[in-house]
Amino acid sequence: MSKMIVAETAAKVENQFRGKMIAYWTVTLLLAAALMLSGIGQLMQYGGNVELVTNLGYPLYILTILGVWKVLGVIVLVVPGFTRLKEWVHAGIFFLMTGAALSHAFVNDYGDYGFHIILPLLYAALNIASWVLRPKSRML
């Protein structure tokens, strides 16, 4: 009977681990895709990026800086290793996204239905979820 309990417990732990890994990779890949597309769009100055930045009063070269950092950050997030650098990337994403939301709020540029505030805060929440769910191999 005790062997059966041990086997059931081991199966539950394995299922919890697998579920956490699936959740981690789902959230992290969603975040990575959003940031990669955003970073490439900023580097190419595609879409409304130029208008968005000028409405906030920032110079256009900020698009290049943000685009490069986003693309590099995504690479660090998805590549194995670089544990300490991953911590810095998570912190950077959090500051970037909350700073973006605050920048829009301070200049009363909310967008349709608050889109310019809600979207960066959603990315910040995905970032926090990715950081919380990360496996032990990606922790300091």
Protein backbone atom coordinates (compact mmCIF):
# COMPACT_ATOMS: atom_id res chain seq x y z
CA MET A 1 0.00 0.00 0.00
CA SER A 2 2.81 2.47 0.83
CA LYS A 3 4.45 1.87 -2.58
CA MET A 4 1.18 2.84 -4.20
CA ILE A 5 0.97 6.09 -2.19
CA VAL A 6 4.57 6.96 -3.08
CA ALA A 7 3.87 6.32 -6.77
CA GLU A 8 0.72 8.48 -6.67
CA THR A 9 2.59 11.28 -4.91
CA ALA A 10 5.41 11.12 -7.43
CA ALA A 11 2.89 11.26 -10.29
CA LYS A 12 1.19 14.32 -8.75
CA VAL A 13 4.54 16.11 -8.34
CA GLU A 14 5.49 15.28 -11.93
CA ASN A 15 2.13 16.59 -13.22
CA GLN A 16 2.50 19.81 -11.19
CA PHE A 17 6.02 20.29 -12.54
CA ARG A 18 4.85 19.66 -16.10
CA GLY A 19 1.92 22.07 -15.68
CA LYS A 20 4.19 24.77 -14.31
CA MET A 21 6.63 24.30 -17.21
CA ILE A 22 3.80 24.54 -19.75
CA ALA A 23 2.51 27.70 -18.07
CA TYR A 24 6.03 29.18 -17.94
CA TRP A 25 6.76 28.56 -21.61
CA THR A 26 3.31 29.71 -22.72
CA VAL A 27 3.61 33.01 -20.88
CA THR A 28 7.27 33.50 -21.78
CA LEU A 29 6.76 32.80 -25.48
CA LEU A 30 3.74 35.15 -25.61
CA LEU A 31 5.85 37.85 -23.98
CA ALA A 32 8.82 37.11 -26.24
CA ALA A 33 6.69 37.23 -29.41
CA ALA A 34 5.06 40.51 -28.40
CA LEU A 35 8.39 42.11 -27.52
CA MET A 36 10.13 40.81 -30.66
CA LEU A 37 7.39 42.15 -32.93
CA SER A 38 7.38 45.44 -31.05
CA GLY A 39 11.17 45.72 -31.16
CA ILE A 40 11.35 44.97 -34.88
CA GLY A 41 8.55 47.47 -35.52
CA GLN A 42 10.46 50.11 -33.60
CA LEU A 43 13.71 49.38 -35.42
CA MET A 44 11.94 49.65 -38.77
CA GLN A 45 9.93 52.67 -37.54
CA TYR A 46 6.90 50.79 -38.81
CA GLY A 47 3.27 51.58 -38.27
CA GLY A 48 2.37 54.20 -35.73
CA ASN A 49 5.65 54.00 -33.83
CA VAL A 50 6.89 57.40 -35.05
CA GLU A 51 3.61 59.12 -34.19
CA LEU A 52 3.44 57.35 -30.83
CA VAL A 53 6.92 58.51 -29.82
CA THR A 54 6.48 62.08 -31.06
CA ASN A 55 3.14 62.36 -29.21
CA LEU A 56 5.03 61.52 -26.03
CA GLY A 57 7.68 64.15 -26.79
CA TYR A 58 10.56 61.68 -27.15
CA PRO A 59 13.16 61.98 -29.94
CA LEU A 60 12.94 59.47 -32.80
CA TYR A 61 16.27 57.84 -31.96
CA ILE A 62 14.62 56.33 -28.87
CA LEU A 63 12.93 53.87 -31.25
CA THR A 64 16.31 52.43 -32.24
CA ILE A 65 17.45 52.17 -28.63
CA LEU A 66 14.24 50.50 -27.46
CA GLY A 67 14.09 48.21 -30.49
CA VAL A 68 17.65 46.94 -29.99
CA TRP A 69 17.13 46.35 -26.26
CA LYS A 70 13.85 44.50 -26.84
CA VAL A 71 15.31 42.18 -29.48
CA LEU A 72 18.37 41.44 -27.33
CA GLY A 73 16.16 40.91 -24.28
CA VAL A 74 13.99 38.39 -26.10
CA ILE A 75 17.06 36.45 -27.17
CA VAL A 76 18.28 36.29 -23.57
CA LEU A 77 14.84 35.18 -22.32
CA VAL A 78 14.50 32.20 -24.64
CA VAL A 79 18.12 30.99 -24.84
CA PRO A 80 19.26 28.60 -22.08
CA GLY A 81 21.78 29.87 -19.55
CA PHE A 82 22.57 33.49 -18.70
CA THR A 83 20.62 33.28 -15.42
CA ARG A 84 21.79 36.62 -14.01
CA LEU A 85 21.21 38.34 -17.33
CA LYS A 86 17.66 36.95 -17.43
CA GLU A 87 17.00 38.63 -14.08
CA TRP A 88 18.17 41.94 -15.54
CA VAL A 89 16.00 41.42 -18.62
CA HIS A 90 12.91 40.81 -16.48
CA ALA A 91 13.65 43.96 -14.48
CA GLY A 92 14.22 45.94 -17.66
CA ILE A 93 10.97 44.77 -19.22
CA PHE A 94 9.07 45.70 -16.07
CA PHE A 95 10.58 49.21 -15.97
CA LEU A 96 10.12 49.66 -19.72
CA MET A 97 6.46 48.68 -19.71
CA THR A 98 5.43 50.53 -16.57
CA GLY A 99 7.39 53.55 -17.83
CA ALA A 100 5.54 53.38 -21.14
CA ALA A 101 2.16 53.25 -19.40
CA LEU A 102 3.09 56.19 -17.17
CA SER A 103 4.46 58.20 -20.12
CA HIS A 104 1.14 57.84 -21.91
CA ALA A 105 -0.81 58.68 -18.77
CA PHE A 106 1.24 61.82 -18.06
CA VAL A 107 0.58 63.27 -21.53
CA ASN A 108 -3.09 62.18 -21.56
CA ASP A 109 -2.47 59.85 -24.51
CA TYR A 110 -4.70 56.97 -23.47
CA GLY A 111 -5.55 55.70 -26.94
CA ASP A 112 -8.85 54.01 -27.76
CA TYR A 113 -10.35 52.56 -24.57
CA GLY A 114 -7.08 53.15 -22.69
CA PHE A 115 -5.14 50.87 -25.05
CA HIS A 116 -1.87 52.79 -24.63
CA ILE A 117 -2.03 52.23 -20.88
CA ILE A 118 -3.53 48.74 -20.73
CA LEU A 119 -1.25 47.04 -23.27
CA PRO A 120 2.07 47.92 -21.59
CA LEU A 121 0.62 46.94 -18.22
CA LEU A 122 -0.50 43.62 -19.72
CA TYR A 123 3.06 43.03 -20.94
CA ALA A 124 4.37 43.92 -17.47
CA ALA A 125 1.96 41.36 -15.98
CA LEU A 126 3.11 38.70 -18.49
CA ASN A 127 6.67 39.53 -17.51
CA ILE A 128 5.92 39.09 -13.81
CA ALA A 129 4.14 35.79 -14.52
CA SER A 130 7.12 34.56 -16.55
CA TRP A 131 9.49 35.51 -13.75
CA VAL A 132 7.36 33.83 -11.05
CA LEU A 133 6.87 30.62 -13.06
CA ARG A 134 10.51 30.25 -14.16
CA PRO A 135 12.07 26.85 -13.43
CA LYS A 136 14.82 26.38 -10.86
CA SER A 137 17.40 26.17 -13.64
CA ARG A 138 16.62 29.79 -14.52
CA MET A 139 16.80 31.12 -10.96
CA LEU A 140 19.82 32.66 -9.28
